[in-house]
Amino acid sequence: MTYMESILKVLVVGLLLGAGLPAVFAGGVVAYSRGAGGNGIDGAAYAPNPALRMLGLLLFTFVMAVIVVAILWITKVTIIHHFGVNLFPFIHGK
C-alpha cells in the first residue's frame, strides 16, 4: 500500500502545482487588468479599482514565492553543502 500512497501524493501535488499555480496566475492577470480601469467591450469607460489591482499583485507575489521556495527546496542539499545554511530546518528529512 505504500507505493499506492506515494503515487497518490505525487498525483495530488502534480495537480495542485501543475494546474493550480497557472490558474492562480490567470486569476491575478484578470484581477489586475480589471482593476486597472479603461474601456469595456462596449466602449464605456470604467474607473480603476485599487482593491482588484492589489489582489492581482498579491496573487502574482504568491505564485512567485511558491516558485522560489520550490527552487530552494530542490537545491537544498547543494546549498547546505556549499554554504552550510539549512533553509528548511523545521522539516526533518530521512
PDB file of N, CA and C in Angstrom:
ATOM      1  N   MET A   1       0.804  -1.196   0.000  1.00  0.00           N
ATOM      2  CA  MET A   1       0.000   0.000   0.000  1.00  0.00           C
ATOM      3  C   MET A   1       0.852   1.267   0.000  1.00  0.00           C
ATOM      4  N   THR A   2       2.107   1.189   0.377  1.00  0.00           N
ATOM      5  CA  THR A   2       2.945   2.382   0.394  1.00  0.00           C
ATOM      6  C   THR A   2       3.193   2.924  -1.005  1.00  0.00           C
ATOM      7  N   TYR A   3       3.308   2.046  -1.995  1.00  0.00           N
ATOM      8  CA  TYR A   3       3.505   2.523  -3.361  1.00  0.00           C
ATOM      9  C   TYR A   3       2.287   3.303  -3.842  1.00  0.00           C
ATOM     10  N   MET A   4       1.104   2.799  -3.532  1.00  0.00           N
ATOM     11  CA  MET A   4      -0.116   3.472  -3.956  1.00  0.00           C
ATOM     12  C   MET A   4      -0.257   4.827  -3.259  1.00  0.00           C
ATOM     13  N   GLU A   5       0.086   4.889  -1.989  1.00  0.00           N
ATOM     14  CA  GLU A   5       0.033   6.166  -1.273  1.00  0.00           C
ATOM     15  C   GLU A   5       1.013   7.166  -1.866  1.00  0.00           C
ATOM     16  N   SER A   6       2.201   6.701  -2.205  1.00  0.00           N
ATOM     17  CA  SER A   6       3.202   7.583  -2.806  1.00  0.00           C
ATOM     18  C   SER A   6       2.742   8.089  -4.162  1.00  0.00           C
ATOM     19  N   ILE A   7       2.161   7.222  -4.954  1.00  0.00           N
ATOM     20  CA  ILE A   7       1.669   7.621  -6.266  1.00  0.00           C
ATOM     21  C   ILE A   7       0.556   8.659  -6.126  1.00  0.00           C
ATOM     22  N   LEU A   8      -0.329   8.452  -5.166  1.00  0.00           N
ATOM     23  CA  LEU A   8      -1.419   9.411  -4.955  1.00  0.00           C
ATOM     24  C   LEU A   8      -0.897  10.762  -4.472  1.00  0.00           C
ATOM     25  N   LYS A   9       0.109  10.747  -3.609  1.00  0.00           N
ATOM     26  CA  LYS A   9       0.703  12.005  -3.148  1.00  0.00           C
ATOM     27  C   LYS A   9       1.318  12.775  -4.308  1.00  0.00           C
ATOM     28  N   VAL A  10       2.051  12.079  -5.150  1.00  0.00           N
ATOM     29  CA  VAL A  10       2.662  12.728  -6.309  1.00  0.00           C
ATOM     30  C   VAL A  10       1.588  13.254  -7.254  1.00  0.00           C
ATOM     31  N   LEU A  11       0.521  12.506  -7.435  1.00  0.00           N
ATOM     32  CA  LEU A  11      -0.569  12.938  -8.297  1.00  0.00           C
ATOM     33  C   LEU A  11      -1.230  14.204  -7.765  1.00  0.00           C
ATOM     34  N   VAL A  12      -1.491  14.241  -6.471  1.00  0.00           N
ATOM     35  CA  VAL A  12      -2.137  15.414  -5.883  1.00  0.00           C
ATOM     36  C   VAL A  12      -1.241  16.649  -5.990  1.00  0.00           C
ATOM     37  N   VAL A  13       0.036  16.506  -5.651  1.00  0.00           N
ATOM     38  CA  VAL A  13       0.955  17.635  -5.745  1.00  0.00           C
ATOM     39  C   VAL A  13       1.098  18.082  -7.195  1.00  0.00           C
ATOM     40  N   GLY A  14       1.167  17.135  -8.111  1.00  0.00           N
ATOM     41  CA  GLY A  14       1.261  17.489  -9.528  1.00  0.00           C
ATOM     42  C   GLY A  14       0.042  18.248 -10.014  1.00  0.00           C
ATOM     43  N   LEU A  15      -1.128  17.845  -9.568  1.00  0.00           N
ATOM     44  CA  LEU A  15      -2.337  18.560  -9.960  1.00  0.00           C
ATOM     45  C   LEU A  15      -2.388  19.957  -9.354  1.00  0.00           C
ATOM     46  N   LEU A  16      -2.016  20.061  -8.084  1.00  0.00           N
ATOM     47  CA  LEU A  16      -2.042  21.366  -7.434  1.00  0.00           C
ATOM     48  C   LEU A  16      -1.045  22.331  -8.054  1.00  0.00           C
ATOM     49  N   LEU A  17       0.166  21.882  -8.233  1.00  0.00           N
ATOM     50  CA  LEU A  17       1.192  22.767  -8.784  1.00  0.00           C
ATOM     51  C   LEU A  17       1.113  22.860 -10.303  1.00  0.00           C
ATOM     52  N   GLY A  18       0.728  21.791 -10.941  1.00  0.00           N
ATOM     53  CA  GLY A  18       0.672  21.799 -12.400  1.00  0.00           C
ATOM     54  C   GLY A  18      -0.511  22.550 -12.954  1.00  0.00           C
ATOM     55  N   ALA A  19      -1.653  22.474 -12.292  1.00  0.00           N
ATOM     56  CA  ALA A  19      -2.843  23.167 -12.774  1.00  0.00           C
ATOM     57  C   ALA A  19      -3.227  24.312 -11.851  1.00  0.00           C
ATOM     58  N   GLY A  20      -2.903  24.210 -10.579  1.00  0.00           N
ATOM     59  CA  GLY A  20      -3.314  25.219  -9.620  1.00  0.00           C
ATOM     60  C   GLY A  20      -2.565  26.529  -9.744  1.00  0.00           C
ATOM     61  N   LEU A  21      -1.245  26.471  -9.858  1.00  0.00           N
ATOM     62  CA  LEU A  21      -0.471  27.711  -9.964  1.00  0.00           C
ATOM     63  C   LEU A  21      -0.782  28.498 -11.231  1.00  0.00           C
ATOM     64  N   PRO A  22      -0.880  27.863 -12.395  1.00  0.00           N
ATOM     65  CA  PRO A  22      -1.282  28.651 -13.564  1.00  0.00           C
ATOM     66  C   PRO A  22      -2.681  29.249 -13.417  1.00  0.00           C
ATOM     67  N   ALA A  23      -3.581  28.547 -12.731  1.00  0.00           N
ATOM     68  CA  ALA A  23      -4.924  29.095 -12.513  1.00  0.00           C
ATOM     69  C   ALA A  23      -4.869  30.302 -11.572  1.00  0.00           C
ATOM     70  N   VAL A  24      -4.044  30.239 -10.533  1.00  0.00           N
ATOM     71  CA  VAL A  24      -3.887  31.383  -9.627  1.00  0.00           C
ATOM     72  C   VAL A  24      -3.262  32.553 -10.375  1.00  0.00           C
ATOM     73  N   PHE A  25      -2.270  32.279 -11.221  1.00  0.00           N
ATOM     74  CA  PHE A  25      -1.645  33.334 -12.015  1.00  0.00           C
ATOM     75  C   PHE A  25      -2.657  33.963 -12.962  1.00  0.00           C
ATOM     76  N   ALA A  26      -3.485  33.138 -13.599  1.00  0.00           N
ATOM     77  CA  ALA A  26      -4.515  33.667 -14.502  1.00  0.00           C
ATOM     78  C   ALA A  26      -5.520  34.518 -13.733  1.00  0.00           C
ATOM     79  N   GLY A  27      -5.870  34.095 -12.526  1.00  0.00           N
ATOM     80  CA  GLY A  27      -6.747  34.916 -11.692  1.00  0.00           C
ATOM     81  C   GLY A  27      -6.113  36.254 -11.361  1.00  0.00           C
ATOM     82  N   GLY A  28      -4.806  36.256 -11.144  1.00  0.00           N
ATOM     83  CA  GLY A  28      -4.079  37.505 -10.894  1.00  0.00           C
ATOM     84  C   GLY A  28      -4.091  38.418 -12.101  1.00  0.00           C
ATOM     85  N   VAL A  29      -3.938  37.844 -13.279  1.00  0.00           N
ATOM     86  CA  VAL A  29      -3.978  38.647 -14.509  1.00  0.00           C
ATOM     87  C   VAL A  29      -5.354  39.276 -14.678  1.00  0.00           C
ATOM     88  N   VAL A  30      -6.398  38.497 -14.462  1.00  0.00           N
ATOM     89  CA  VAL A  30      -7.765  39.014 -14.605  1.00  0.00           C
ATOM     90  C   VAL A  30      -8.031  40.106 -13.573  1.00  0.00           C
ATOM     91  N   ALA A  31      -7.659  39.853 -12.311  1.00  0.00           N
ATOM     92  CA  ALA A  31      -7.898  40.851 -11.263  1.00  0.00           C
ATOM     93  C   ALA A  31      -7.125  42.127 -11.533  1.00  0.00           C
ATOM     94  N   TYR A  32      -5.867  41.997 -11.943  1.00  0.00           N
ATOM     95  CA  TYR A  32      -5.053  43.185 -12.192  1.00  0.00           C
ATOM     96  C   TYR A  32      -5.583  43.982 -13.382  1.00  0.00           C
ATOM     97  N   SER A  33      -5.973  43.288 -14.432  1.00  0.00           N
ATOM     98  CA  SER A  33      -6.451  44.012 -15.616  1.00  0.00           C
ATOM     99  C   SER A  33      -7.809  44.673 -15.364  1.00  0.00           C
ATOM    100  N   ARG A  34      -8.684  44.010 -14.619  1.00  0.00           N
ATOM    101  CA  ARG A  34      -9.977  44.637 -14.299  1.00  0.00           C
ATOM    102  C   ARG A  34      -9.805  45.773 -13.310  1.00  0.00           C
ATOM    103  N   GLY A  35      -8.799  45.696 -12.491  1.00  0.00           N
ATOM    104  CA  GLY A  35      -8.549  46.768 -11.526  1.00  0.00           C
ATOM    105  C   GLY A  35      -7.880  47.977 -12.130  1.00  0.00           C
ATOM    106  N   ALA A  36      -7.346  47.843 -13.330  1.00  0.00           N
ATOM    107  CA  ALA A  36      -6.641  48.954 -13.963  1.00  0.00           C
ATOM    108  C   ALA A  36      -7.582  49.998 -14.549  1.00  0.00           C
ATOM    109  N   GLY A  37      -8.837  49.636 -14.754  1.00  0.00           N
ATOM    110  CA  GLY A  37      -9.774  50.572 -15.375  1.00  0.00           C
ATOM    111  C   GLY A  37      -9.569  50.589 -16.884  1.00  0.00           C
ATOM    112  N   GLY A  38     -10.274  51.474 -17.553  1.00  0.00           N
ATOM    113  CA  GLY A  38     -10.132  51.584 -19.001  1.00  0.00           C
ATOM    114  C   GLY A  38     -11.474  51.520 -19.682  1.00  0.00           C
ATOM    115  N   ASN A  39     -11.463  51.051 -20.914  1.00  0.00           N
ATOM    116  CA  ASN A  39     -12.682  50.959 -21.712  1.00  0.00           C
ATOM    117  C   ASN A  39     -13.135  49.512 -21.800  1.00  0.00           C
ATOM    118  N   GLY A  40     -14.448  49.325 -21.676  1.00  0.00           N
ATOM    119  CA  GLY A  40     -15.024  47.999 -21.808  1.00  0.00           C
ATOM    120  C   GLY A  40     -15.212  47.624 -23.262  1.00  0.00           C
ATOM    121  N   ILE A  41     -15.785  46.461 -23.496  1.00  0.00           N
ATOM    122  CA  ILE A  41     -16.024  45.987 -24.858  1.00  0.00           C
ATOM    123  C   ILE A  41     -16.986  46.903 -25.593  1.00  0.00           C
ATOM    124  N   ASP A  42     -17.976  47.426 -24.852  1.00  0.00           N
ATOM    125  CA  ASP A  42     -18.971  48.295 -25.478  1.00  0.00           C
ATOM    126  C   ASP A  42     -18.502  49.736 -25.607  1.00  0.00           C
ATOM    127  N   GLY A  43     -17.285  50.043 -25.181  1.00  0.00           N
ATOM    128  CA  GLY A  43     -16.733  51.380 -25.307  1.00  0.00           C
ATOM    129  C   GLY A  43     -16.946  52.245 -24.077  1.00  0.00           C
ATOM    130  N   ALA A  44     -17.685  51.750 -23.108  1.00  0.00           N
ATOM    131  CA  ALA A  44     -17.928  52.520 -21.893  1.00  0.00           C
ATOM    132  C   ALA A  44     -16.676  52.508 -21.009  1.00  0.00           C
ATOM    133  N   ALA A  45     -16.354  53.654 -20.443  1.00  0.00           N
ATOM    134  CA  ALA A  45     -15.189  53.758 -19.566  1.00  0.00           C
ATOM    135  C   ALA A  45     -15.572  53.334 -18.152  1.00  0.00           C
ATOM    136  N   TYR A  46     -14.666  52.649 -17.487  1.00  0.00           N
ATOM    137  CA  TYR A  46     -14.897  52.292 -16.096  1.00  0.00           C
ATOM    138  C   TYR A  46     -13.676  52.680 -15.275  1.00  0.00           C
ATOM    139  N   ALA A  47     -13.951  53.033 -14.034  1.00  0.00           N
ATOM    140  CA  ALA A  47     -12.915  53.567 -13.146  1.00  0.00           C
ATOM    141  C   ALA A  47     -11.985  52.463 -12.649  1.00  0.00           C
ATOM    142  N   PRO A  48     -10.757  52.823 -12.334  1.00  0.00           N
ATOM    143  CA  PRO A  48      -9.834  51.838 -11.756  1.00  0.00           C
ATOM    144  C   PRO A  48     -10.319  51.380 -10.381  1.00  0.00           C
ATOM    145  N   ASN A  49      -9.996  50.141 -10.051  1.00  0.00           N
ATOM    146  CA  ASN A  49     -10.357  49.565  -8.760  1.00  0.00           C
ATOM    147  C   ASN A  49      -9.067  49.133  -8.063  1.00  0.00           C
ATOM    148  N   PRO A  50      -8.600  49.922  -7.094  1.00  0.00           N
ATOM    149  CA  PRO A  50      -7.330  49.598  -6.428  1.00  0.00           C
ATOM    150  C   PRO A  50      -7.351  48.261  -5.688  1.00  0.00           C
ATOM    151  N   ALA A  51      -8.521  47.864  -5.182  1.00  0.00           N
ATOM    152  CA  ALA A  51      -8.593  46.587  -4.456  1.00  0.00           C
ATOM    153  C   ALA A  51      -8.325  45.418  -5.394  1.00  0.00           C
ATOM    154  N   LEU A  52      -8.868  45.466  -6.603  1.00  0.00           N
ATOM    155  CA  LEU A  52      -8.609  44.390  -7.572  1.00  0.00           C
ATOM    156  C   LEU A  52      -7.158  44.387  -8.022  1.00  0.00           C
ATOM    157  N   ARG A  53      -6.581  45.562  -8.185  1.00  0.00           N
ATOM    158  CA  ARG A  53      -5.160  45.617  -8.563  1.00  0.00           C
ATOM    159  C   ARG A  53      -4.294  45.019  -7.464  1.00  0.00           C
ATOM    160  N   MET A  54      -4.619  45.325  -6.198  1.00  0.00           N
ATOM    161  CA  MET A  54      -3.860  44.751  -5.087  1.00  0.00           C
ATOM    162  C   MET A  54      -4.020  43.244  -5.033  1.00  0.00           C
ATOM    163  N   LEU A  55      -5.239  42.760  -5.268  1.00  0.00           N
ATOM    164  CA  LEU A  55      -5.471  41.320  -5.292  1.00  0.00           C
ATOM    165  C   LEU A  55      -4.623  40.665  -6.380  1.00  0.00           C
ATOM    166  N   GLY A  56      -4.581  41.277  -7.552  1.00  0.00           N
ATOM    167  CA  GLY A  56      -3.750  40.752  -8.635  1.00  0.00           C
ATOM    168  C   GLY A  56      -2.283  40.699  -8.247  1.00  0.00           C
ATOM    169  N   LEU A  57      -1.791  41.772  -7.615  1.00  0.00           N
ATOM    170  CA  LEU A  57      -0.389  41.793  -7.189  1.00  0.00           C
ATOM    171  C   LEU A  57      -0.118  40.754  -6.101  1.00  0.00           C
ATOM    172  N   LEU A  58      -1.064  40.565  -5.198  1.00  0.00           N
ATOM    173  CA  LEU A  58      -0.893  39.534  -4.164  1.00  0.00           C
ATOM    174  C   LEU A  58      -0.846  38.138  -4.773  1.00  0.00           C
ATOM    175  N   LEU A  59      -1.687  37.888  -5.764  1.00  0.00           N
ATOM    176  CA  LEU A  59      -1.664  36.574  -6.418  1.00  0.00           C
ATOM    177  C   LEU A  59      -0.354  36.364  -7.176  1.00  0.00           C
ATOM    178  N   PHE A  60       0.153  37.411  -7.840  1.00  0.00           N
ATOM    179  CA  PHE A  60       1.446  37.305  -8.521  1.00  0.00           C
ATOM    180  C   PHE A  60       2.556  37.018  -7.510  1.00  0.00           C
ATOM    181  N   THR A  61       2.516  37.711  -6.373  1.00  0.00           N
ATOM    182  CA  THR A  61       3.531  37.517  -5.334  1.00  0.00           C
ATOM    183  C   THR A  61       3.473  36.101  -4.780  1.00  0.00           C
ATOM    184  N   PHE A  62       2.274  35.588  -4.579  1.00  0.00           N
ATOM    185  CA  PHE A  62       2.121  34.218  -4.077  1.00  0.00           C
ATOM    186  C   PHE A  62       2.720  33.208  -5.047  1.00  0.00           C
ATOM    187  N   VAL A  63       2.418  33.347  -6.329  1.00  0.00           N
ATOM    188  CA  VAL A  63       2.957  32.417  -7.331  1.00  0.00           C
ATOM    189  C   VAL A  63       4.474  32.503  -7.372  1.00  0.00           C
ATOM    190  N   MET A  64       5.010  33.719  -7.317  1.00  0.00           N
ATOM    191  CA  MET A  64       6.462  33.876  -7.345  1.00  0.00           C
ATOM    192  C   MET A  64       7.093  33.257  -6.101  1.00  0.00           C
ATOM    193  N   ALA A  65       6.467  33.422  -4.936  1.00  0.00           N
ATOM    194  CA  ALA A  65       7.005  32.843  -3.703  1.00  0.00           C
ATOM    195  C   ALA A  65       7.006  31.318  -3.771  1.00  0.00           C
ATOM    196  N   VAL A  66       5.955  30.729  -4.316  1.00  0.00           N
ATOM    197  CA  VAL A  66       5.900  29.269  -4.450  1.00  0.00           C
ATOM    198  C   VAL A  66       7.020  28.786  -5.365  1.00  0.00           C
ATOM    199  N   ILE A  67       7.261  29.497  -6.450  1.00  0.00           N
ATOM    200  CA  ILE A  67       8.326  29.102  -7.384  1.00  0.00           C
ATOM    201  C   ILE A  67       9.693  29.200  -6.715  1.00  0.00           C
ATOM    202  N   VAL A  68       9.950  30.290  -5.990  1.00  0.00           N
ATOM    203  CA  VAL A  68      11.245  30.463  -5.326  1.00  0.00           C
ATOM    204  C   VAL A  68      11.449  29.391  -4.261  1.00  0.00           C
ATOM    205  N   VAL A  69      10.416  29.115  -3.457  1.00  0.00           N
ATOM    206  CA  VAL A  69      10.535  28.077  -2.422  1.00  0.00           C
ATOM    207  C   VAL A  69      10.757  26.709  -3.059  1.00  0.00           C
ATOM    208  N   ALA A  70      10.101  26.439  -4.177  1.00  0.00           N
ATOM    209  CA  ALA A  70      10.296  25.153  -4.857  1.00  0.00           C
ATOM    210  C   ALA A  70      11.725  25.012  -5.366  1.00  0.00           C
ATOM    211  N   ILE A  71      12.274  26.071  -5.928  1.00  0.00           N
ATOM    212  CA  ILE A  71      13.663  26.012  -6.414  1.00  0.00           C
ATOM    213  C   ILE A  71      14.624  25.819  -5.244  1.00  0.00           C
ATOM    214  N   LEU A  72      14.387  26.539  -4.149  1.00  0.00           N
ATOM    215  CA  LEU A  72      15.246  26.364  -2.968  1.00  0.00           C
ATOM    216  C   LEU A  72      15.112  24.961  -2.382  1.00  0.00           C
ATOM    217  N   TRP A  73      13.902  24.408  -2.416  1.00  0.00           N
ATOM    218  CA  TRP A  73      13.692  23.048  -1.905  1.00  0.00           C
ATOM    219  C   TRP A  73      14.457  22.034  -2.761  1.00  0.00           C
ATOM    220  N   ILE A  74      14.412  22.208  -4.065  1.00  0.00           N
ATOM    221  CA  ILE A  74      15.102  21.278  -4.963  1.00  0.00           C
ATOM    222  C   ILE A  74      16.612  21.354  -4.754  1.00  0.00           C
ATOM    223  N   THR A  75      17.119  22.546  -4.503  1.00  0.00           N
ATOM    224  CA  THR A  75      18.573  22.728  -4.381  1.00  0.00           C
ATOM    225  C   THR A  75      19.059  22.776  -2.937  1.00  0.00           C
ATOM    226  N   LYS A  76      18.236  22.343  -1.978  1.00  0.00           N
ATOM    227  CA  LYS A  76      18.594  22.494  -0.564  1.00  0.00           C
ATOM    228  C   LYS A  76      19.861  21.733  -0.183  1.00  0.00           C
ATOM    229  N   VAL A  77      20.080  20.554  -0.723  1.00  0.00           N
ATOM    230  CA  VAL A  77      21.278  19.783  -0.376  1.00  0.00           C
ATOM    231  C   VAL A  77      22.527  20.481  -0.900  1.00  0.00           C
ATOM    232  N   THR A  78      22.446  21.028  -2.084  1.00  0.00           N
ATOM    233  CA  THR A  78      23.581  21.762  -2.645  1.00  0.00           C
ATOM    234  C   THR A  78      23.865  23.022  -1.842  1.00  0.00           C
ATOM    235  N   ILE A  79      22.823  23.721  -1.414  1.00  0.00           N
ATOM    236  CA  ILE A  79      23.006  24.925  -0.610  1.00  0.00           C
ATOM    237  C   ILE A  79      23.623  24.573   0.735  1.00  0.00           C
ATOM    238  N   ILE A  80      23.166  23.500   1.351  1.00  0.00           N
ATOM    239  CA  ILE A  80      23.743  23.073   2.632  1.00  0.00           C
ATOM    240  C   ILE A  80      25.207  22.684   2.436  1.00  0.00           C
ATOM    241  N   HIS A  81      25.508  21.982   1.351  1.00  0.00           N
ATOM    242  CA  HIS A  81      26.879  21.528   1.100  1.00  0.00           C
ATOM    243  C   HIS A  81      27.824  22.705   0.879  1.00  0.00           C
ATOM    244  N   HIS A  82      27.443  23.654   0.044  1.00  0.00           N
ATOM    245  CA  HIS A  82      28.356  24.736  -0.321  1.00  0.00           C
ATOM    246  C   HIS A  82      28.375  25.889   0.677  1.00  0.00           C
ATOM    247  N   PHE A  83      27.244  26.205   1.281  1.00  0.00           N
ATOM    248  CA  PHE A  83      27.174  27.376   2.146  1.00  0.00           C
ATOM    249  C   PHE A  83      26.947  27.043   3.618  1.00  0.00           C
ATOM    250  N   GLY A  84      26.585  25.800   3.925  1.00  0.00           N
ATOM    251  CA  GLY A  84      26.348  25.407   5.305  1.00  0.00           C
ATOM    252  C   GLY A  84      25.089  26.005   5.906  1.00  0.00           C
ATOM    253  N   VAL A  85      24.144  26.395   5.058  1.00  0.00           N
ATOM    254  CA  VAL A  85      22.906  27.015   5.524  1.00  0.00           C
ATOM    255  C   VAL A  85      21.752  26.071   5.224  1.00  0.00           C
ATOM    256  N   ASN A  86      20.992  25.741   6.274  1.00  0.00           N
ATOM    257  CA  ASN A  86      19.811  24.915   6.088  1.00  0.00           C
ATOM    258  C   ASN A  86      18.601  25.844   6.041  1.00  0.00           C
ATOM    259  N   LEU A  87      18.025  26.004   4.861  1.00  0.00           N
ATOM    260  CA  LEU A  87      16.900  26.916   4.684  1.00  0.00           C
ATOM    261  C   LEU A  87      15.589  26.351   5.208  1.00  0.00           C
ATOM    262  N   PHE A  88      15.546  25.056   5.444  1.00  0.00           N
ATOM    263  CA  PHE A  88      14.336  24.404   5.934  1.00  0.00           C
ATOM    264  C   PHE A  88      14.661  23.580   7.179  1.00  0.00           C
ATOM    265  N   PRO A  89      15.081  24.221   8.274  1.00  0.00           N
ATOM    266  CA  PRO A  89      15.478  23.451   9.465  1.00  0.00           C
ATOM    267  C   PRO A  89      14.288  22.814  10.185  1.00  0.00           C
ATOM    268  N   PHE A  90      13.092  23.317   9.940  1.00  0.00           N
ATOM    269  CA  PHE A  90      11.915  22.812  10.628  1.00  0.00           C
ATOM    270  C   PHE A  90      11.361  21.552   9.977  1.00  0.00           C
ATOM    271  N   ILE A  91      11.881  21.168   8.811  1.00  0.00           N
ATOM    272  CA  ILE A  91      11.452  19.948   8.129  1.00  0.00           C
ATOM    273  C   ILE A  91      12.581  18.945   8.223  1.00  0.00           C
ATOM    274  N   HIS A  92      12.315  17.844   8.879  1.00  0.00           N
ATOM    275  CA  HIS A  92      13.347  16.830   9.066  1.00  0.00           C
ATOM    276  C   HIS A  92      13.229  15.788   7.964  1.00  0.00           C
ATOM    277  N   GLY A  93      14.321  15.579   7.249  1.00  0.00           N
ATOM    278  CA  GLY A  93      14.343  14.591   6.194  1.00  0.00           C
ATOM    279  C   GLY A  93      14.802  13.238   6.698  1.00  0.00           C
ATOM    280  N   LYS A  94      14.819  12.285   5.801  1.00  0.00           N
ATOM    281  CA  LYS A  94      15.253  10.923   6.163  1.00  0.00           C
ATOM    282  C   LYS A  94      16.752  10.851   6.209  1.00  0.00           C
TER     283      LYS A  94
END
